[in-house]
């Protein structure tokens, strides 16, 4: 009886935590689109960079971890399971997101995750480029488009990095470690290049005498991008590394199998 009560309490606490994650993600999305934060992004580079990190990394993670699709009744809340013949066992009455998860489960590989990582890096370069940030400062309505593009793409990436039933990552743990690392490093490289620049990349942001200097603003920007990206990706990297090393299979043998398979099939799963 105590065991059942403990399990019920644990399940309830996990559900509350997921609701908190999803609610926090939606709240942060709204806060960065409204004053005063939206106004500060046009005056300070570090606030602009912080907004980008929340749109591209933090908010997508919170939404995926919070699984808001369960609130909306888009999933049956039953795990996706197949029998030994590949016939669907659960859920018995799949809903919209269940059907998407089933289709994803039938073609598990790393190609989707790699493509999403390339999209993440491409969007990072685009939305942090000088012309684009200057346009965001001058035309506030572009921020709505930026947030939607980054959050949607980021959510798809996180679905391939963490467990978010009914969705499961399609790539193996070594690939998840590599994808998380490359994604984080791409943000770090952008932050480093911007911080080391002697001239501001973003001429639309004017630094007023007596206020925050350009140099200080650039250093704060780099620090914010490094910290926020590391806060999201490092736990995923070390969690997958820890579970991979503790798995029953030999990690070295698993890595060798991945390398041999890529040599045979090509990195994107096709013959070279």
Protein backbone atom coordinates (compact mmCIF):
# COMPACT_ATOMS: atom_id res chain seq x y z
CA UNK A 1 0.00 0.00 0.00
CA UNK A 2 2.83 2.33 0.91
CA UNK A 3 4.57 1.43 -2.34
CA UNK A 4 1.47 2.31 -4.39
CA UNK A 5 1.08 5.58 -2.52
CA UNK A 6 4.75 6.40 -3.06
CA UNK A 7 4.50 5.66 -6.79
CA UNK A 8 1.34 7.73 -7.10
CA UNK A 9 3.00 10.63 -5.26
CA UNK A 10 6.12 10.37 -7.46
CA UNK A 11 4.00 10.37 -10.62
CA UNK A 12 2.07 13.39 -9.38
CA UNK A 13 5.29 15.29 -8.61
CA UNK A 14 6.69 14.51 -12.06
CA UNK A 15 3.48 15.75 -13.69
CA UNK A 16 3.68 18.97 -11.69
CA UNK A 17 7.31 19.45 -12.72
CA UNK A 18 6.38 18.95 -16.39
CA UNK A 19 3.55 21.45 -16.08
CA UNK A 20 5.97 23.92 -14.49
CA UNK A 21 8.46 23.47 -17.35
CA UNK A 22 5.83 23.99 -20.04
CA UNK A 23 4.23 26.95 -18.25
CA UNK A 24 7.63 28.57 -17.69
CA UNK A 25 8.51 28.14 -21.36
CA UNK A 26 5.29 29.80 -22.51
CA UNK A 27 5.68 32.61 -19.97
CA UNK A 28 9.27 33.32 -21.04
CA UNK A 29 8.19 33.37 -24.69
CA UNK A 30 5.59 36.01 -23.86
CA UNK A 31 7.94 38.05 -21.66
CA UNK A 32 10.59 38.37 -24.38
CA UNK A 33 8.00 39.58 -26.88
CA UNK A 34 6.62 42.34 -24.64
CA UNK A 35 8.10 45.40 -22.86
CA UNK A 36 10.33 45.97 -21.04
CA UNK A 37 12.44 43.06 -22.35
CA UNK A 38 11.49 43.68 -25.99
CA UNK A 39 12.50 47.34 -25.55
CA UNK A 40 15.82 46.47 -23.91
CA UNK A 41 16.76 44.25 -26.87
CA UNK A 42 16.96 47.41 -28.98
CA UNK A 43 19.36 49.09 -26.55
CA UNK A 44 21.69 46.35 -25.29
CA UNK A 45 23.51 43.63 -27.21
CA UNK A 46 23.55 41.25 -24.25
CA UNK A 47 19.75 41.41 -23.89
CA UNK A 48 19.42 40.78 -27.64
CA UNK A 49 21.74 37.75 -27.33
CA UNK A 50 19.92 36.50 -24.23
CA UNK A 51 16.64 36.69 -26.13
CA UNK A 52 18.16 34.66 -28.97
CA UNK A 53 19.40 31.96 -26.54
CA UNK A 54 15.98 31.68 -24.91
CA UNK A 55 14.21 31.46 -28.27
CA UNK A 56 16.67 28.97 -29.81
CA UNK A 57 17.59 26.80 -26.80
CA UNK A 58 15.93 27.37 -23.42
CA UNK A 59 12.26 27.80 -24.37
CA UNK A 60 12.25 24.84 -26.83
CA UNK A 61 13.82 22.65 -24.14
CA UNK A 62 11.24 23.69 -21.54
CA UNK A 63 8.35 23.09 -23.94
CA UNK A 64 9.58 19.66 -25.01
CA UNK A 65 10.38 18.62 -21.42
CA UNK A 66 6.97 19.91 -20.31
CA UNK A 67 5.06 18.01 -23.04
CA UNK A 68 2.22 20.53 -23.48
CA UNK A 69 0.65 18.25 -26.10
CA UNK A 70 -0.64 16.18 -23.18
CA UNK A 71 -2.66 19.18 -21.98
CA UNK A 72 -4.24 19.50 -25.40
CA UNK A 73 -5.27 15.86 -25.68
CA UNK A 74 -3.05 15.28 -28.71
CA UNK A 75 -1.65 12.02 -27.29
CA UNK A 76 -3.22 9.01 -25.60
CA UNK A 77 -0.48 9.00 -22.89
CA UNK A 78 0.23 5.35 -23.71
CA UNK A 79 3.82 4.35 -24.58
CA UNK A 80 4.55 3.44 -28.18
CA UNK A 81 5.32 -0.28 -28.27
CA UNK A 82 5.77 -2.90 -31.01
CA UNK A 83 5.84 -6.66 -30.71
CA UNK A 84 8.67 -8.85 -32.03
CA UNK A 85 7.09 -8.83 -35.50
CA UNK A 86 6.98 -5.04 -35.61
CA UNK A 87 3.21 -4.87 -35.11
CA UNK A 88 1.92 -1.95 -33.04
CA UNK A 89 0.83 -3.05 -29.57
CA UNK A 90 0.36 0.31 -27.83
CA UNK A 91 -1.38 2.75 -27.98
CA UNK A 92 -4.58 0.96 -28.94
CA UNK A 93 -6.26 4.18 -30.07
CA UNK A 94 -3.47 6.47 -31.29
CA UNK A 95 -4.11 10.18 -31.50
CA UNK A 96 -2.38 12.77 -33.69
CA UNK A 97 0.97 12.96 -31.87
CA UNK A 98 0.91 9.20 -31.25
CA UNK A 99 0.72 8.63 -35.01
CA UNK A 100 3.64 11.02 -35.56
CA UNK A 101 5.67 9.21 -32.89
CA UNK A 102 4.85 5.82 -34.44
CA UNK A 103 6.01 7.02 -37.87
CA UNK A 104 9.24 8.35 -36.31
CA UNK A 105 9.85 5.11 -34.42
CA UNK A 106 9.68 3.08 -37.65
CA UNK A 107 12.64 4.98 -39.13
CA UNK A 108 14.96 5.53 -36.20
CA UNK A 109 18.41 6.71 -37.28
CA UNK A 110 20.67 9.70 -36.84
CA UNK A 111 20.01 11.44 -40.16
CA UNK A 112 17.05 13.46 -38.88
CA UNK A 113 19.01 14.63 -35.83
CA UNK A 114 22.01 15.61 -37.98
CA UNK A 115 19.77 17.56 -40.38
CA UNK A 116 18.14 19.38 -37.44
CA UNK A 117 21.57 20.25 -36.04
CA UNK A 118 22.59 21.75 -39.37
CA UNK A 119 19.33 23.74 -39.35
CA UNK A 120 20.07 24.92 -35.79
CA UNK A 121 23.56 26.10 -36.76
CA UNK A 122 22.28 27.77 -39.93
CA UNK A 123 19.58 29.64 -38.03
CA UNK A 124 22.09 30.69 -35.37
CA UNK A 125 24.35 32.22 -37.99
CA UNK A 126 21.39 33.87 -39.73
CA UNK A 127 19.69 35.40 -36.69
CA UNK A 128 22.96 36.52 -35.05
CA UNK A 129 24.38 38.05 -38.23
CA UNK A 130 24.89 41.80 -38.35
CA UNK A 131 22.24 42.58 -41.03
CA UNK A 132 19.59 40.48 -39.29
CA UNK A 133 20.13 41.83 -35.76
CA UNK A 134 20.19 45.39 -37.11
CA UNK A 135 16.88 44.65 -38.85
CA UNK A 136 15.44 43.20 -35.62
CA UNK A 137 16.37 46.38 -33.76
CA UNK A 138 14.76 48.62 -36.38
CA UNK A 139 11.67 46.47 -37.07
CA UNK A 140 10.18 45.00 -33.89
CA UNK A 141 7.69 42.81 -35.80
CA UNK A 142 10.57 40.66 -37.08
CA UNK A 143 11.08 39.40 -33.52
CA UNK A 144 7.79 37.49 -33.74
CA UNK A 145 9.06 35.69 -36.85
CA UNK A 146 12.44 35.05 -35.21
CA UNK A 147 10.85 33.55 -32.10
CA UNK A 148 8.56 31.26 -34.08
CA UNK A 149 11.34 30.05 -36.41
CA UNK A 150 13.83 29.41 -33.61
CA UNK A 151 11.41 27.82 -31.14
CA UNK A 152 9.85 25.44 -33.69
CA UNK A 153 13.24 24.32 -35.04
CA UNK A 154 14.65 24.09 -31.51
CA UNK A 155 11.72 21.97 -30.33
CA UNK A 156 12.26 19.46 -33.15
CA UNK A 157 15.96 19.26 -32.20
CA UNK A 158 15.21 18.68 -28.52
CA UNK A 159 12.71 15.93 -29.38
CA UNK A 160 15.69 14.05 -30.86
CA UNK A 161 17.86 14.73 -27.79
CA UNK A 162 15.64 13.96 -24.77
CA UNK A 163 12.82 11.60 -23.87
CA UNK A 164 9.45 13.31 -24.35
CA UNK A 165 6.74 10.63 -24.63
CA UNK A 166 5.30 9.63 -26.97
CA UNK A 167 8.46 10.77 -28.78
CA UNK A 168 11.82 9.08 -28.33
CA UNK A 169 15.20 10.18 -29.71
CA UNK A 170 15.95 8.46 -32.99
CA UNK A 171 19.74 8.69 -32.69
CA UNK A 172 21.91 6.56 -30.42
CA UNK A 173 23.59 8.09 -27.36
CA UNK A 174 26.98 8.69 -29.04
CA UNK A 175 25.23 10.70 -31.74
CA UNK A 176 23.20 12.61 -29.16
CA UNK A 177 26.43 13.50 -27.34
CA UNK A 178 28.03 14.69 -30.56
CA UNK A 179 24.97 16.63 -31.72
CA UNK A 180 24.61 18.40 -28.36
CA UNK A 181 28.31 19.24 -28.31
CA UNK A 182 28.36 20.62 -31.86
CA UNK A 183 25.21 22.68 -31.23
CA UNK A 184 26.71 24.18 -28.08
CA UNK A 185 30.05 24.87 -29.71
CA UNK A 186 28.38 26.65 -32.62
CA UNK A 187 26.90 29.16 -30.16
CA UNK A 188 30.22 29.47 -28.34
CA UNK A 189 32.09 30.21 -31.59
CA UNK A 190 29.64 32.97 -32.52
CA UNK A 191 29.95 34.45 -29.03
CA UNK A 192 33.75 34.30 -29.16
CA UNK A 193 34.00 35.96 -32.56
CA UNK A 194 31.67 38.74 -31.50
CA UNK A 195 33.42 39.31 -28.16
CA UNK A 196 36.86 39.55 -29.82
CA UNK A 197 35.70 42.05 -32.43
CA UNK A 198 37.02 45.56 -31.85
CA UNK A 199 33.96 47.06 -33.53
CA UNK A 200 30.37 46.28 -32.74
CA UNK A 201 28.62 43.98 -35.20
CA UNK A 202 25.32 45.68 -34.55
CA UNK A 203 25.39 49.36 -35.53
CA UNK A 204 21.67 49.80 -34.91
CA UNK A 205 22.35 49.43 -31.16
CA UNK A 206 23.78 52.73 -29.95
CA UNK A 207 25.87 52.88 -26.79
CA UNK A 208 25.28 56.17 -24.99
CA UNK A 209 28.14 57.87 -23.15
CA UNK A 210 27.83 57.31 -19.42
CA UNK A 211 25.94 54.05 -19.92
CA UNK A 212 27.11 50.52 -20.64
CA UNK A 213 30.15 50.68 -22.91
CA UNK A 214 30.40 48.76 -26.17
CA UNK A 215 33.23 46.58 -24.84
CA UNK A 216 31.34 45.69 -21.66
CA UNK A 217 28.19 44.98 -23.64
CA UNK A 218 30.09 42.60 -25.92
CA UNK A 219 31.63 40.77 -22.95
CA UNK A 220 28.25 40.41 -21.25
CA UNK A 221 26.85 39.12 -24.56
CA UNK A 222 29.53 36.45 -24.89
CA UNK A 223 29.09 35.42 -21.25
CA UNK A 224 25.32 35.13 -21.63
CA UNK A 225 25.59 32.99 -24.77
CA UNK A 226 28.23 30.69 -23.26
CA UNK A 227 26.37 30.27 -19.98
CA UNK A 228 22.85 29.72 -21.37
CA UNK A 229 23.93 27.26 -24.07
CA UNK A 230 26.08 25.31 -21.58
CA UNK A 231 23.24 25.24 -19.04
CA UNK A 232 21.00 23.49 -21.57
CA UNK A 233 23.40 21.23 -23.46
CA UNK A 234 25.98 20.11 -20.86
CA UNK A 235 23.46 18.12 -18.74
CA UNK A 236 22.35 16.30 -21.90
CA UNK A 237 25.95 15.57 -22.89
CA UNK A 238 27.02 14.21 -19.50
CA UNK A 239 23.75 12.36 -18.87
CA UNK A 240 24.01 10.48 -22.17
CA UNK A 241 27.72 9.88 -21.64
CA UNK A 242 27.09 8.45 -18.17
CA UNK A 243 24.28 6.15 -19.34
CA UNK A 244 26.24 5.06 -22.39
CA UNK A 245 29.30 4.11 -20.31
CA UNK A 246 27.10 2.24 -17.79
CA UNK A 247 25.11 0.36 -20.43
CA UNK A 248 25.36 -3.41 -20.67
CA UNK A 249 26.89 -3.19 -24.13
CA UNK A 250 30.56 -2.39 -24.48
CA UNK A 251 30.73 1.36 -25.30
CA UNK A 252 33.87 0.90 -27.40
CA UNK A 253 32.27 -1.89 -29.43
CA UNK A 254 29.12 0.21 -29.93
CA UNK A 255 31.24 3.11 -31.20
CA UNK A 256 33.15 0.80 -33.57
CA UNK A 257 29.83 -0.52 -34.90
CA UNK A 258 28.63 3.02 -35.58
CA UNK A 259 31.83 3.84 -37.46
CA UNK A 260 31.68 0.63 -39.49
CA UNK A 261 28.02 1.22 -40.33
CA UNK A 262 28.72 4.80 -41.46
CA UNK A 263 31.58 3.61 -43.66
CA UNK A 264 29.23 1.09 -45.25
CA UNK A 265 26.08 3.19 -45.57
CA UNK A 266 27.49 6.71 -45.62
CA UNK A 267 27.10 9.29 -42.85
CA UNK A 268 23.54 10.14 -43.87
CA UNK A 269 22.50 6.51 -44.19
CA UNK A 270 23.00 6.16 -47.96
CA UNK A 271 25.72 4.46 -49.92
CA UNK A 272 28.51 6.87 -50.89
